């Protein structure tokens, strides 16, 4: 895995931790493939490519900001 993928995976992990602490997701972790990430959303585990996981989490956090 190259540095860019490592950086993206670290960013996704950080966003997932934030979403988890805000109770927006109920779980997260590495997917079965090195380019996937698993996010448990609304009780269902979902496997996303890293880029999609990043977009999903950014949108989820943005749409659930505290005003």
N, C-alpha and C. Protein backbone atom coordinates (compact mmCIF):
# COMPACT_ATOMS: atom_id res chain seq x y z
N UNK A 1 0.87 -1.18 0.00
CA UNK A 1 0.00 0.00 0.00
C UNK A 1 0.90 1.23 0.00
N UNK A 2 0.58 2.22 -0.79
CA UNK A 2 1.43 3.40 -0.87
C UNK A 2 1.06 4.43 0.19
N UNK A 3 1.85 5.48 0.26
CA UNK A 3 1.67 6.50 1.29
C UNK A 3 0.31 7.18 1.16
N UNK A 4 -0.15 7.42 -0.06
CA UNK A 4 -1.44 8.08 -0.27
C UNK A 4 -2.58 7.23 0.29
N UNK A 5 -2.56 5.93 0.03
CA UNK A 5 -3.60 5.04 0.56
C UNK A 5 -3.52 4.98 2.08
N UNK A 6 -2.31 4.97 2.62
CA UNK A 6 -2.14 4.96 4.08
C UNK A 6 -2.73 6.23 4.69
N UNK A 7 -2.45 7.36 4.07
CA UNK A 7 -2.97 8.64 4.56
C UNK A 7 -4.49 8.66 4.48
N UNK A 8 -5.04 8.16 3.38
CA UNK A 8 -6.50 8.13 3.22
C UNK A 8 -7.12 7.21 4.26
N UNK A 9 -6.52 6.03 4.48
CA UNK A 9 -7.04 5.09 5.48
C UNK A 9 -7.01 5.74 6.87
N UNK A 10 -5.94 6.45 7.20
CA UNK A 10 -5.84 7.12 8.50
C UNK A 10 -6.91 8.20 8.63
N UNK A 11 -7.16 8.95 7.58
CA UNK A 11 -8.20 9.98 7.59
C UNK A 11 -9.58 9.35 7.77
N UNK A 12 -9.84 8.26 7.06
CA UNK A 12 -11.12 7.56 7.19
C UNK A 12 -11.28 7.04 8.62
N UNK A 13 -10.22 6.48 9.19
CA UNK A 13 -10.29 5.98 10.57
C UNK A 13 -10.60 7.13 11.55
N UNK A 14 -9.96 8.27 11.35
CA UNK A 14 -10.22 9.43 12.21
C UNK A 14 -11.69 9.89 12.09
N UNK A 15 -12.19 9.98 10.87
CA UNK A 15 -13.58 10.41 10.66
C UNK A 15 -14.55 9.39 11.25
N UNK A 16 -14.24 8.10 11.10
CA UNK A 16 -15.10 7.05 11.65
C UNK A 16 -15.13 7.12 13.18
N UNK A 17 -13.98 7.37 13.79
CA UNK A 17 -13.95 7.51 15.25
C UNK A 17 -14.81 8.68 15.70
N UNK A 18 -14.73 9.79 14.98
CA UNK A 18 -15.53 10.96 15.31
C UNK A 18 -17.02 10.66 15.15
N UNK A 19 -17.39 10.02 14.06
CA UNK A 19 -18.80 9.66 13.84
C UNK A 19 -19.29 8.68 14.90
N UNK A 20 -18.43 7.76 15.31
CA UNK A 20 -18.79 6.79 16.35
C UNK A 20 -19.03 7.50 17.68
N UNK A 21 -18.14 8.41 18.04
CA UNK A 21 -18.30 9.13 19.31
C UNK A 21 -19.53 10.03 19.31
N UNK A 22 -19.95 10.47 18.14
CA UNK A 22 -21.18 11.27 18.03
C UNK A 22 -22.42 10.39 17.88
N UNK A 23 -22.21 9.05 17.92
CA UNK A 23 -23.28 8.07 17.82
C UNK A 23 -24.01 8.11 16.47
N UNK A 24 -23.28 8.46 15.43
CA UNK A 24 -23.84 8.47 14.08
C UNK A 24 -23.67 7.13 13.40
N UNK A 25 -22.66 6.37 13.82
CA UNK A 25 -22.45 5.01 13.34
C UNK A 25 -22.25 4.13 14.58
N UNK A 26 -22.46 2.83 14.42
CA UNK A 26 -22.32 1.94 15.58
C UNK A 26 -21.09 1.06 15.52
N UNK A 27 -20.30 1.19 14.47
CA UNK A 27 -19.07 0.42 14.38
C UNK A 27 -18.30 0.75 13.12
N UNK A 28 -17.02 0.36 13.10
CA UNK A 28 -16.18 0.62 11.94
C UNK A 28 -14.92 -0.22 12.04
N UNK A 29 -14.25 -0.38 10.92
CA UNK A 29 -12.99 -1.12 10.90
C UNK A 29 -12.55 -1.42 9.48
N UNK A 30 -11.37 -2.03 9.38
CA UNK A 30 -10.85 -2.40 8.07
C UNK A 30 -11.75 -3.42 7.42
N UNK A 31 -11.91 -3.31 6.12
CA UNK A 31 -12.70 -4.27 5.37
C UNK A 31 -11.87 -5.48 5.00
N UNK A 32 -12.49 -6.47 4.38
CA UNK A 32 -11.77 -7.68 3.99
C UNK A 32 -10.71 -7.43 2.93
N UNK A 33 -10.87 -6.40 2.15
CA UNK A 33 -9.91 -6.02 1.12
C UNK A 33 -9.12 -4.82 1.63
N UNK A 34 -7.87 -4.71 1.24
CA UNK A 34 -7.00 -3.62 1.71
C UNK A 34 -7.52 -2.25 1.27
N UNK A 35 -8.32 -2.21 0.23
CA UNK A 35 -8.85 -0.94 -0.27
C UNK A 35 -10.27 -0.66 0.19
N UNK A 36 -10.74 -1.41 1.19
CA UNK A 36 -12.11 -1.24 1.69
C UNK A 36 -12.11 -0.89 3.17
N UNK A 37 -13.21 -0.28 3.58
CA UNK A 37 -13.42 0.05 4.98
C UNK A 37 -14.86 -0.31 5.33
N UNK A 38 -15.07 -0.89 6.49
CA UNK A 38 -16.41 -1.29 6.91
C UNK A 38 -16.96 -0.27 7.89
N UNK A 39 -18.19 0.15 7.66
CA UNK A 39 -18.89 1.09 8.53
C UNK A 39 -20.25 0.49 8.85
N UNK A 40 -20.58 0.42 10.13
CA UNK A 40 -21.89 -0.08 10.55
C UNK A 40 -22.79 1.14 10.72
N UNK A 41 -23.75 1.27 9.82
CA UNK A 41 -24.65 2.43 9.80
C UNK A 41 -26.08 1.91 9.83
N UNK A 42 -26.85 2.42 10.77
CA UNK A 42 -28.24 2.00 10.96
C UNK A 42 -28.33 0.49 11.13
N UNK A 43 -27.39 -0.06 11.88
CA UNK A 43 -27.39 -1.48 12.22
C UNK A 43 -26.92 -2.43 11.14
N UNK A 44 -26.50 -1.89 9.99
CA UNK A 44 -26.08 -2.74 8.88
C UNK A 44 -24.61 -2.49 8.54
N UNK A 45 -23.81 -3.54 8.52
CA UNK A 45 -22.42 -3.35 8.09
C UNK A 45 -22.36 -3.10 6.59
N UNK A 46 -21.58 -2.11 6.22
CA UNK A 46 -21.45 -1.76 4.80
C UNK A 46 -19.97 -1.66 4.48
N UNK A 47 -19.59 -2.21 3.35
CA UNK A 47 -18.20 -2.15 2.90
C UNK A 47 -18.08 -1.11 1.79
N UNK A 48 -17.18 -0.17 1.99
CA UNK A 48 -16.97 0.92 1.04
C UNK A 48 -15.52 0.92 0.56
N UNK A 49 -15.29 1.24 -0.70
CA UNK A 49 -13.92 1.59 -1.10
C UNK A 49 -13.48 2.79 -0.25
N UNK A 50 -12.19 2.94 -0.02
CA UNK A 50 -11.72 4.00 0.87
C UNK A 50 -12.23 5.38 0.48
N UNK A 51 -12.22 5.69 -0.81
CA UNK A 51 -12.67 7.01 -1.26
C UNK A 51 -14.14 7.24 -0.93
N UNK A 52 -14.96 6.21 -1.13
CA UNK A 52 -16.39 6.32 -0.82
C UNK A 52 -16.63 6.40 0.69
N UNK A 53 -15.85 5.67 1.45
CA UNK A 53 -15.97 5.73 2.91
C UNK A 53 -15.66 7.14 3.40
N UNK A 54 -14.64 7.75 2.82
CA UNK A 54 -14.28 9.11 3.19
C UNK A 54 -15.43 10.07 2.89
N UNK A 55 -15.96 10.00 1.68
CA UNK A 55 -17.08 10.87 1.29
C UNK A 55 -18.30 10.65 2.16
N UNK A 56 -18.63 9.39 2.41
CA UNK A 56 -19.79 9.05 3.25
C UNK A 56 -19.64 9.67 4.64
N UNK A 57 -18.47 9.51 5.25
CA UNK A 57 -18.27 10.01 6.61
C UNK A 57 -18.24 11.53 6.66
N UNK A 58 -17.61 12.16 5.68
CA UNK A 58 -17.59 13.63 5.63
C UNK A 58 -19.02 14.16 5.53
N UNK A 59 -19.82 13.58 4.65
CA UNK A 59 -21.21 14.02 4.49
C UNK A 59 -22.03 13.75 5.75
N UNK A 60 -21.84 12.59 6.35
CA UNK A 60 -22.56 12.25 7.57
C UNK A 60 -22.24 13.23 8.69
N UNK A 61 -20.97 13.53 8.88
CA UNK A 61 -20.56 14.46 9.93
C UNK A 61 -21.03 15.88 9.62
N UNK A 62 -20.92 16.30 8.37
CA UNK A 62 -21.34 17.65 7.99
C UNK A 62 -22.84 17.83 8.18
N UNK A 63 -23.62 16.84 7.79
CA UNK A 63 -25.08 16.94 7.88
C UNK A 63 -25.60 16.80 9.30
N UNK A 64 -24.75 16.40 10.23
CA UNK A 64 -25.17 16.24 11.62
C UNK A 64 -24.35 17.11 12.56
N UNK A 65 -23.95 18.28 12.08
CA UNK A 65 -23.21 19.22 12.91
C UNK A 65 -24.11 19.79 13.99
N UNK A 66 -23.50 20.06 15.14
CA UNK A 66 -24.22 20.79 16.19
C UNK A 66 -24.18 22.26 15.84
N UNK A 67 -25.32 22.90 15.90
CA UNK A 67 -25.38 24.33 15.57
C UNK A 67 -25.13 25.16 16.80
